[in-house]
Amino acid sequence: LLSADTTGGRPIGAELREALRRVHDDIGVRTVRAHHILGCD
């Protein structure tokens, strides 16, 4: 979510945020589980 990099010319952070918004709004998903949170301060 914090990444300013791109993949295939597409912005990683902005598109992950939009993907989460879309599954929340269109599918109703309430929680998200992910790896490696202790890799962040």
All heavy atoms as atom14 arrays in JSON, in Angstrom:
{
  "sequence": "LLSADTTGGRPIGAELREALRRVHDDIGVRTVRAHHILGCD",
  "atom14_mask": [
    [1, 1, 1, 1, 1, 1, 1, 1, 0, 0, 0, 0, 0, 0],
    [1, 1, 1, 1, 1, 1, 1, 1, 0, 0, 0, 0, 0, 0],
    [1, 1, 1, 1, 1, 1, 0, 0, 0, 0, 0, 0, 0, 0],
    [1, 1, 1, 1, 1, 0, 0, 0, 0, 0, 0, 0, 0, 0],
    [1, 1, 1, 1, 1, 1, 1, 1, 0, 0, 0, 0, 0, 0],
    [1, 1, 1, 1, 1, 1, 1, 0, 0, 0, 0, 0, 0, 0],
    [1, 1, 1, 1, 1, 1, 1, 0, 0, 0, 0, 0, 0, 0],
    [1, 1, 1, 1, 0, 0, 0, 0, 0, 0, 0, 0, 0, 0],
    [1, 1, 1, 1, 0, 0, 0, 0, 0, 0, 0, 0, 0, 0],
    [1, 1, 1, 1, 1, 1, 1, 1, 1, 1, 1, 0, 0, 0],
    [1, 1, 1, 1, 1, 1, 1, 0, 0, 0, 0, 0, 0, 0],
    [1, 1, 1, 1, 1, 1, 1, 1, 0, 0, 0, 0, 0, 0],
    [1, 1, 1, 1, 0, 0, 0, 0, 0, 0, 0, 0, 0, 0],
    [1, 1, 1, 1, 1, 0, 0, 0, 0, 0, 0, 0, 0, 0],
    [1, 1, 1, 1, 1, 1, 1, 1, 1, 0, 0, 0, 0, 0],
    [1, 1, 1, 1, 1, 1, 1, 1, 0, 0, 0, 0, 0, 0],
    [1, 1, 1, 1, 1, 1, 1, 1, 1, 1, 1, 0, 0, 0],
    [1, 1, 1, 1, 1, 1, 1, 1, 1, 0, 0, 0, 0, 0],
    [1, 1, 1, 1, 1, 0, 0, 0, 0, 0, 0, 0, 0, 0],
    [1, 1, 1, 1, 1, 1, 1, 1, 0, 0, 0, 0, 0, 0],
    [1, 1, 1, 1, 1, 1, 1, 1, 1, 1, 1, 0, 0, 0],
    [1, 1, 1, 1, 1, 1, 1, 1, 1, 1, 1, 0, 0, 0],
    [1, 1, 1, 1, 1, 1, 1, 0, 0, 0, 0, 0, 0, 0],
    [1, 1, 1, 1, 1, 1, 1, 1, 1, 1, 0, 0, 0, 0],
    [1, 1, 1, 1, 1, 1, 1, 1, 0, 0, 0, 0, 0, 0],
    [1, 1, 1, 1, 1, 1, 1, 1, 0, 0, 0, 0, 0, 0],
    [1, 1, 1, 1, 1, 1, 1, 1, 0, 0, 0, 0, 0, 0],
    [1, 1, 1, 1, 0, 0, 0, 0, 0, 0, 0, 0, 0, 0],
    [1, 1, 1, 1, 1, 1, 1, 0, 0, 0, 0, 0, 0, 0],
    [1, 1, 1, 1, 1, 1, 1, 1, 1, 1, 1, 0, 0, 0],
    [1, 1, 1, 1, 1, 1, 1, 0, 0, 0, 0, 0, 0, 0],
    [1, 1, 1, 1, 1, 1, 1, 0, 0, 0, 0, 0, 0, 0],
    [1, 1, 1, 1, 1, 1, 1, 1, 1, 1, 1, 0, 0, 0],
    [1, 1, 1, 1, 1, 0, 0, 0, 0, 0, 0, 0, 0, 0],
    [1, 1, 1, 1, 1, 1, 1, 1, 1, 1, 0, 0, 0, 0],
    [1, 1, 1, 1, 1, 1, 1, 1, 1, 1, 0, 0, 0, 0],
    [1, 1, 1, 1, 1, 1, 1, 1, 0, 0, 0, 0, 0, 0],
    [1, 1, 1, 1, 1, 1, 1, 1, 0, 0, 0, 0, 0, 0],
    [1, 1, 1, 1, 0, 0, 0, 0, 0, 0, 0, 0, 0, 0],
    [1, 1, 1, 1, 1, 1, 0, 0, 0, 0, 0, 0, 0, 0],
    [1, 1, 1, 1, 1, 1, 1, 1, 0, 0, 0, 0, 0, 0]
  ],
  "atom14_positions": [
    [[0.82, -1.22, 0.0], [0.0, 0.0, 0.0], [0.85, 1.26, 0.0], [0.39, 2.32, -0.45], [-0.94, 0.0, 1.21], [-2.12, -0.96, 1.18], [-2.77, -1.05, 2.55], [-3.14, -0.52, 0.13], [0.0, 0.0, 0.0], [0.0, 0.0, 0.0], [0.0, 0.0, 0.0], [0.0, 0.0, 0.0], [0.0, 0.0, 0.0], [0.0, 0.0, 0.0]],
    [[2.06, 1.16, 0.49], [2.95, 2.32, 0.61], [3.89, 2.45, -0.59], [4.69, 3.38, -0.65], [3.77, 2.22, 1.89], [3.0, 1.95, 3.19], [3.95, 1.92, 4.37], [1.91, 2.99, 3.4], [0.0, 0.0, 0.0], [0.0, 0.0, 0.0], [0.0, 0.0, 0.0], [0.0, 0.0, 0.0], [0.0, 0.0, 0.0], [0.0, 0.0, 0.0]],
    [[3.8, 1.52, -1.53], [4.76, 1.47, -2.63], [4.42, 2.5, -3.7], [3.27, 2.63, -4.13], [4.78, 0.07, -3.26], [5.64, 0.05, -4.38], [0.0, 0.0, 0.0], [0.0, 0.0, 0.0], [0.0, 0.0, 0.0], [0.0, 0.0, 0.0], [0.0, 0.0, 0.0], [0.0, 0.0, 0.0], [0.0, 0.0, 0.0], [0.0, 0.0, 0.0]],
    [[5.46, 3.21, -4.15], [5.33, 4.12, -5.29], [5.87, 3.49, -6.57], [5.91, 4.14, -7.62], [6.07, 5.42, -5.0], [0.0, 0.0, 0.0], [0.0, 0.0, 0.0], [0.0, 0.0, 0.0], [0.0, 0.0, 0.0], [0.0, 0.0, 0.0], [0.0, 0.0, 0.0], [0.0, 0.0, 0.0], [0.0, 0.0, 0.0], [0.0, 0.0, 0.0]],
    [[6.28, 2.21, -6.5], [6.79, 1.51, -7.68], [5.65, 1.15, -8.63], [4.47, 1.26, -8.28], [7.52, 0.23, -7.27], [8.81, 0.51, -6.5], [9.24, 1.67, -6.48], [9.34, -0.45, -5.92], [0.0, 0.0, 0.0], [0.0, 0.0, 0.0], [0.0, 0.0, 0.0], [0.0, 0.0, 0.0], [0.0, 0.0, 0.0], [0.0, 0.0, 0.0]],
    [[6.03, 0.66, -9.8], [5.06, 0.2, -10.78], [5.39, -1.22, -11.22], [6.54, -1.65, -11.17], [5.03, 1.11, -12.02], [6.31, 1.08, -12.66], [4.67, 2.54, -11.65], [0.0, 0.0, 0.0], [0.0, 0.0, 0.0], [0.0, 0.0, 0.0], [0.0, 0.0, 0.0], [0.0, 0.0, 0.0], [0.0, 0.0, 0.0], [0.0, 0.0, 0.0]],
    [[4.37, -1.93, -11.65], [4.5, -3.21, -12.32], [3.72, -3.12, -13.62], [2.53, -2.76, -13.6], [3.96, -4.36, -11.46], [4.81, -4.54, -10.33], [3.93, -5.66, -12.26], [0.0, 0.0, 0.0], [0.0, 0.0, 0.0], [0.0, 0.0, 0.0], [0.0, 0.0, 0.0], [0.0, 0.0, 0.0], [0.0, 0.0, 0.0], [0.0, 0.0, 0.0]],
    [[4.37, -3.41, -14.74], [3.7, -3.28, -16.02], [3.21, -1.87, -16.26], [2.21, -1.66, -16.97], [0.0, 0.0, 0.0], [0.0, 0.0, 0.0], [0.0, 0.0, 0.0], [0.0, 0.0, 0.0], [0.0, 0.0, 0.0], [0.0, 0.0, 0.0], [0.0, 0.0, 0.0], [0.0, 0.0, 0.0], [0.0, 0.0, 0.0], [0.0, 0.0, 0.0]],
    [[3.89, -0.89, -15.66], [3.49, 0.5, -15.78], [2.34, 0.9, -14.88], [1.89, 2.06, -14.95], [0.0, 0.0, 0.0], [0.0, 0.0, 0.0], [0.0, 0.0, 0.0], [0.0, 0.0, 0.0], [0.0, 0.0, 0.0], [0.0, 0.0, 0.0], [0.0, 0.0, 0.0], [0.0, 0.0, 0.0], [0.0, 0.0, 0.0], [0.0, 0.0, 0.0]],
    [[1.89, 0.01, -14.02], [0.74, 0.28, -13.16], [1.22, 0.53, -11.73], [2.08, -0.18, -11.21], [-0.23, -0.9, -13.17], [-0.6, -1.4, -14.54], [-1.37, -0.4, -15.36], [-2.66, -0.09, -14.78], [-3.64, 0.56, -15.42], [-3.44, 0.98, -16.66], [-4.79, 0.8, -14.82], [0.0, 0.0, 0.0], [0.0, 0.0, 0.0], [0.0, 0.0, 0.0]],
    [[0.67, 1.55, -11.05], [1.12, 1.91, -9.7], [0.7, 0.87, -8.66], [-0.49, 0.62, -8.47], [0.45, 3.26, -9.45], [-0.77, 3.24, -10.33], [-0.39, 2.44, -11.54], [0.0, 0.0, 0.0], [0.0, 0.0, 0.0], [0.0, 0.0, 0.0], [0.0, 0.0, 0.0], [0.0, 0.0, 0.0], [0.0, 0.0, 0.0], [0.0, 0.0, 0.0]],
    [[1.67, 0.3, -7.96], [1.39, -0.81, -7.05], [0.52, -0.37, -5.89], [-0.51, -0.99, -5.59], [2.71, -1.41, -6.56], [3.44, -2.09, -7.72], [2.46, -2.42, -5.44], [4.84, -2.56, -7.38], [0.0, 0.0, 0.0], [0.0, 0.0, 0.0], [0.0, 0.0, 0.0], [0.0, 0.0, 0.0], [0.0, 0.0, 0.0], [0.0, 0.0, 0.0]],
    [[0.93, 0.69, -5.18], [0.2, 1.1, -3.98], [-1.23, 1.51, -4.27], [-2.17, 1.07, -3.6], [0.0, 0.0, 0.0], [0.0, 0.0, 0.0], [0.0, 0.0, 0.0], [0.0, 0.0, 0.0], [0.0, 0.0, 0.0], [0.0, 0.0, 0.0], [0.0, 0.0, 0.0], [0.0, 0.0, 0.0], [0.0, 0.0, 0.0], [0.0, 0.0, 0.0]],
    [[-1.41, 2.36, -5.28], [-2.75, 2.85, -5.61], [-3.65, 1.7, -6.07], [-4.84, 1.66, -5.73], [-2.67, 3.93, -6.69], [0.0, 0.0, 0.0], [0.0, 0.0, 0.0], [0.0, 0.0, 0.0], [0.0, 0.0, 0.0], [0.0, 0.0, 0.0], [0.0, 0.0, 0.0], [0.0, 0.0, 0.0], [0.0, 0.0, 0.0], [0.0, 0.0, 0.0]],
    [[-3.08, 0.77, -6.83], [-3.92, -0.32, -7.33], [-4.26, -1.34, -6.25], [-5.35, -1.91, -6.27], [-3.26, -1.0, -8.53], [-3.28, -0.11, -9.76], [-3.17, -0.87, -11.07], [-2.8, -2.06, -11.05], [-3.47, -0.27, -12.11], [0.0, 0.0, 0.0], [0.0, 0.0, 0.0], [0.0, 0.0, 0.0], [0.0, 0.0, 0.0], [0.0, 0.0, 0.0]],
    [[-3.37, -1.59, -5.3], [-3.74, -2.48, -4.19], [-4.85, -1.85, -3.35], [-5.8, -2.52, -2.95], [-2.53, -2.8, -3.32], [-2.83, -3.68, -2.11], [-3.47, -5.01, -2.52], [-1.58, -3.93, -1.29], [0.0, 0.0, 0.0], [0.0, 0.0, 0.0], [0.0, 0.0, 0.0], [0.0, 0.0, 0.0], [0.0, 0.0, 0.0], [0.0, 0.0, 0.0]],
    [[-4.73, -0.56, -3.12], [-5.8, 0.12, -2.37], [-7.13, 0.0, -3.11], [-8.17, -0.29, -2.51], [-5.44, 1.6, -2.15], [-6.51, 2.37, -1.37], [-6.16, 3.84, -1.25], [-7.25, 4.57, -0.62], [-7.39, 4.78, 0.67], [-6.49, 4.28, 1.51], [-8.43, 5.45, 1.15], [0.0, 0.0, 0.0], [0.0, 0.0, 0.0], [0.0, 0.0, 0.0]],
    [[-7.11, 0.21, -4.43], [-8.34, 0.11, -5.21], [-8.88, -1.33, -5.21], [-10.1, -1.54, -5.17], [-8.09, 0.59, -6.63], [-9.24, 0.37, -7.61], [-10.53, 1.09, -7.23], [-10.49, 1.98, -6.36], [-11.58, 0.74, -7.8], [0.0, 0.0, 0.0], [0.0, 0.0, 0.0], [0.0, 0.0, 0.0], [0.0, 0.0, 0.0], [0.0, 0.0, 0.0]],
    [[-7.98, -2.31, -5.24], [-8.42, -3.71, -5.19], [-9.13, -4.0, -3.88], [-10.2, -4.65, -3.86], [-7.24, -4.65, -5.38], [0.0, 0.0, 0.0], [0.0, 0.0, 0.0], [0.0, 0.0, 0.0], [0.0, 0.0, 0.0], [0.0, 0.0, 0.0], [0.0, 0.0, 0.0], [0.0, 0.0, 0.0], [0.0, 0.0, 0.0], [0.0, 0.0, 0.0]],
    [[-8.57, -3.52, -2.77], [-9.22, -3.72, -1.48], [-10.56, -2.99, -1.43], [-11.55, -3.51, -0.9], [-8.31, -3.25, -0.35], [-7.06, -4.11, -0.11], [-6.12, -3.41, 0.86], [-7.45, -5.48, 0.45], [0.0, 0.0, 0.0], [0.0, 0.0, 0.0], [0.0, 0.0, 0.0], [0.0, 0.0, 0.0], [0.0, 0.0, 0.0], [0.0, 0.0, 0.0]],
    [[-10.6, -1.77, -1.96], [-11.88, -1.04, -1.99], [-12.91, -1.82, -2.77], [-14.07, -1.92, -2.37], [-11.68, 0.34, -2.62], [-12.97, 1.18, -2.63], [-13.0, 2.19, -3.74], [-13.0, 1.57, -5.06], [-14.06, 1.0, -5.63], [-15.22, 0.92, -4.98], [-13.97, 0.47, -6.85], [0.0, 0.0, 0.0], [0.0, 0.0, 0.0], [0.0, 0.0, 0.0]],
    [[-12.48, -2.4, -3.88], [-13.43, -3.07, -4.75], [-13.99, -4.34, -4.1], [-15.2, -4.6, -4.2], [-12.76, -3.39, -6.08], [-13.71, -3.67, -7.2], [-13.03, -3.62, -8.53], [-13.93, -4.13, -9.57], [-13.58, -4.33, -10.82], [-12.35, -4.05, -11.22], [-14.46, -4.8, -11.7], [0.0, 0.0, 0.0], [0.0, 0.0, 0.0], [0.0, 0.0, 0.0]],
    [[-13.15, -5.13, -3.43], [-13.7, -6.33, -2.79], [-14.56, -5.95, -1.58], [-15.52, -6.67, -1.26], [-12.61, -7.33, -2.37], [-11.87, -7.85, -3.59], [-11.66, -6.77, -1.33], [0.0, 0.0, 0.0], [0.0, 0.0, 0.0], [0.0, 0.0, 0.0], [0.0, 0.0, 0.0], [0.0, 0.0, 0.0], [0.0, 0.0, 0.0], [0.0, 0.0, 0.0]],
    [[-14.24, -4.83, -0.93], [-15.11, -4.38, 0.16], [-16.46, -3.91, -0.37], [-17.52, -4.31, 0.12], [-14.44, -3.25, 0.94], [-15.3, -2.62, 1.97], [-16.11, -1.52, 1.72], [-15.54, -2.95, 3.26], [-16.78, -1.2, 2.81], [-16.46, -2.05, 3.76], [0.0, 0.0, 0.0], [0.0, 0.0, 0.0], [0.0, 0.0, 0.0], [0.0, 0.0, 0.0]],
    [[-16.44, -3.06, -1.4], [-17.68, -2.46, -1.88], [-18.52, -3.43, -2.71], [-19.75, -3.43, -2.62], [-17.37, -1.23, -2.73], [-16.77, -0.08, -1.92], [-16.64, -0.23, -0.69], [-16.4, 0.94, -2.53], [0.0, 0.0, 0.0], [0.0, 0.0, 0.0], [0.0, 0.0, 0.0], [0.0, 0.0, 0.0], [0.0, 0.0, 0.0], [0.0, 0.0, 0.0]],
    [[-17.89, -4.26, -3.53], [-18.64, -5.11, -4.47], [-18.91, -6.51, -3.93], [-19.85, -7.17, -4.39], [-17.87, -5.24, -5.78], [-17.73, -3.92, -6.52], [-18.37, -2.94, -6.1], [-16.97, -3.86, -7.5], [0.0, 0.0, 0.0], [0.0, 0.0, 0.0], [0.0, 0.0, 0.0], [0.0, 0.0, 0.0], [0.0, 0.0, 0.0], [0.0, 0.0, 0.0]],
    [[-18.08, -6.98, -2.99], [-18.25, -8.33, -2.46], [-18.59, -8.31, -0.97], [-19.09, -9.29, -0.42], [-16.97, -9.17, -2.72], [-16.69, -9.24, -4.23], [-17.09, -10.58, -2.17], [-15.4, -9.96, -4.59], [0.0, 0.0, 0.0], [0.0, 0.0, 0.0], [0.0, 0.0, 0.0], [0.0, 0.0, 0.0], [0.0, 0.0, 0.0], [0.0, 0.0, 0.0]],
    [[-18.33, -7.19, -0.3], [-18.68, -7.06, 1.11], [-17.61, -7.54, 2.07], [-17.9, -7.74, 3.26], [0.0, 0.0, 0.0], [0.0, 0.0, 0.0], [0.0, 0.0, 0.0], [0.0, 0.0, 0.0], [0.0, 0.0, 0.0], [0.0, 0.0, 0.0], [0.0, 0.0, 0.0], [0.0, 0.0, 0.0], [0.0, 0.0, 0.0], [0.0, 0.0, 0.0]],
    [[-16.37, -7.75, 1.59], [-15.32, -8.31, 2.44], [-14.99, -7.35, 3.59], [-14.8, -6.15, 3.37], [-14.07, -8.63, 1.62], [-12.95, -9.15, 2.51], [-14.39, -9.64, 0.53], [0.0, 0.0, 0.0], [0.0, 0.0, 0.0], [0.0, 0.0, 0.0], [0.0, 0.0, 0.0], [0.0, 0.0, 0.0], [0.0, 0.0, 0.0], [0.0, 0.0, 0.0]],
    [[-14.86, -7.92, 4.78], [-14.7, -7.11, 5.99], [-13.29, -7.09, 6.55], [-12.92, -6.14, 7.24], [-15.64, -7.62, 7.08], [-17.11, -7.6, 6.71], [-17.99, -7.95, 7.91], [-17.72, -9.29, 8.41], [-18.33, -10.39, 8.01], [-19.25, -10.31, 7.04], [-18.06, -11.58, 8.53], [0.0, 0.0, 0.0], [0.0, 0.0, 0.0], [0.0, 0.0, 0.0]],
    [[-12.49, -8.14, 6.34], [-11.16, -8.2, 6.93], [-10.14, -8.64, 5.88], [-10.48, -9.31, 4.9], [-11.09, -9.15, 8.13], [-11.39, -10.48, 7.7], [-12.06, -8.74, 9.22], [0.0, 0.0, 0.0], [0.0, 0.0, 0.0], [0.0, 0.0, 0.0], [0.0, 0.0, 0.0], [0.0, 0.0, 0.0], [0.0, 0.0, 0.0], [0.0, 0.0, 0.0]],
    [[-8.87, -8.29, 6.13], [-7.79, -8.66, 5.24], [-6.63, -9.17, 6.08], [-6.28, -8.61, 7.11], [-7.36, -7.47, 4.35], [-6.94, -6.26, 5.16], [-6.25, -7.9, 3.39], [0.0, 0.0, 0.0], [0.0, 0.0, 0.0], [0.0, 0.0, 0.0], [0.0, 0.0, 0.0], [0.0, 0.0, 0.0], [0.0, 0.0, 0.0], [0.0, 0.0, 0.0]],
    [[-6.04, -10.27, 5.62], [-4.91, -10.89, 6.3], [-3.72, -10.93, 5.35], [-3.87, -11.27, 4.18], [-5.31, -12.3, 6.75], [-4.19, -13.08, 7.42], [-3.95, -14.35, 6.67], [-2.97, -15.23, 7.31], [-2.15, -16.01, 6.64], [-2.17, -16.02, 5.32], [-1.29, -16.78, 7.28], [0.0, 0.0, 0.0], [0.0, 0.0, 0.0], [0.0, 0.0, 0.0]],
    [[-2.55, -10.56, 5.86], [-1.37, -10.45, 5.01], [-0.12, -10.84, 5.79], [-0.1, -10.85, 7.02], [-1.24, -9.02, 4.48], [0.0, 0.0, 0.0], [0.0, 0.0, 0.0], [0.0, 0.0, 0.0], [0.0, 0.0, 0.0], [0.0, 0.0, 0.0], [0.0, 0.0, 0.0], [0.0, 0.0, 0.0], [0.0, 0.0, 0.0], [0.0, 0.0, 0.0]],
    [[0.96, -11.13, 5.04], [2.25, -11.49, 5.62], [3.07, -10.25, 6.0], [2.84, -9.15, 5.51], [3.09, -12.28, 4.6], [2.51, -13.58, 4.16], [1.7, -14.35, 4.96], [2.65, -14.27, 2.99], [1.37, -15.45, 4.29], [1.93, -15.42, 3.1], [0.0, 0.0, 0.0], [0.0, 0.0, 0.0], [0.0, 0.0, 0.0], [0.0, 0.0, 0.0]],
    [[4.11, -10.5, 6.82], [5.3, -9.66, 6.94], [5.04, -8.28, 7.54], [5.75, -7.32, 7.21], [5.96, -9.54, 5.56], [7.41, -9.17, 5.61], [8.29, -9.69, 6.52], [8.15, -8.31, 4.83], [9.5, -9.18, 6.32], [9.43, -8.34, 5.29], [0.0, 0.0, 0.0], [0.0, 0.0, 0.0], [0.0, 0.0, 0.0], [0.0, 0.0, 0.0]],
    [[4.08, -8.16, 8.43], [3.84, -6.83, 9.02], [5.01, -6.42, 9.91], [5.3, -5.22, 10.07], [2.5, -6.8, 9.81], [2.06, -5.36, 10.06], [2.6, -7.59, 11.11], [1.75, -4.59, 8.8], [0.0, 0.0, 0.0], [0.0, 0.0, 0.0], [0.0, 0.0, 0.0], [0.0, 0.0, 0.0], [0.0, 0.0, 0.0], [0.0, 0.0, 0.0]],
    [[5.74, -7.4, 10.47], [6.88, -7.04, 11.31], [8.11, -6.67, 10.49], [9.17, -6.35, 11.07], [7.21, -8.2, 12.27], [6.1, -8.53, 13.28], [6.55, -9.64, 14.21], [5.68, -7.3, 14.07], [0.0, 0.0, 0.0], [0.0, 0.0, 0.0], [0.0, 0.0, 0.0], [0.0, 0.0, 0.0], [0.0, 0.0, 0.0], [0.0, 0.0, 0.0]],
    [[7.99, -6.66, 9.19], [9.02, -6.07, 8.34], [8.91, -4.57, 8.25], [9.76, -3.92, 7.64], [0.0, 0.0, 0.0], [0.0, 0.0, 0.0], [0.0, 0.0, 0.0], [0.0, 0.0, 0.0], [0.0, 0.0, 0.0], [0.0, 0.0, 0.0], [0.0, 0.0, 0.0], [0.0, 0.0, 0.0], [0.0, 0.0, 0.0], [0.0, 0.0, 0.0]],
    [[7.89, -4.0, 8.88], [7.66, -2.55, 8.89], [7.92, -1.99, 10.28], [7.76, -2.68, 11.28], [6.22, -2.24, 8.49], [5.72, -2.89, 6.9], [0.0, 0.0, 0.0], [0.0, 0.0, 0.0], [0.0, 0.0, 0.0], [0.0, 0.0, 0.0], [0.0, 0.0, 0.0], [0.0, 0.0, 0.0], [0.0, 0.0, 0.0], [0.0, 0.0, 0.0]],
    [[8.29, -0.71, 10.34], [8.36, -0.06, 11.65], [6.96, 0.43, 12.03], [6.03, 0.36, 11.24], [9.38, 1.08, 11.65], [9.08, 2.19, 10.65], [7.89, 2.42, 10.32], [10.04, 2.85, 10.19], [0.0, 0.0, 0.0], [0.0, 0.0, 0.0], [0.0, 0.0, 0.0], [0.0, 0.0, 0.0], [0.0, 0.0, 0.0], [0.0, 0.0, 0.0]]
  ]
}
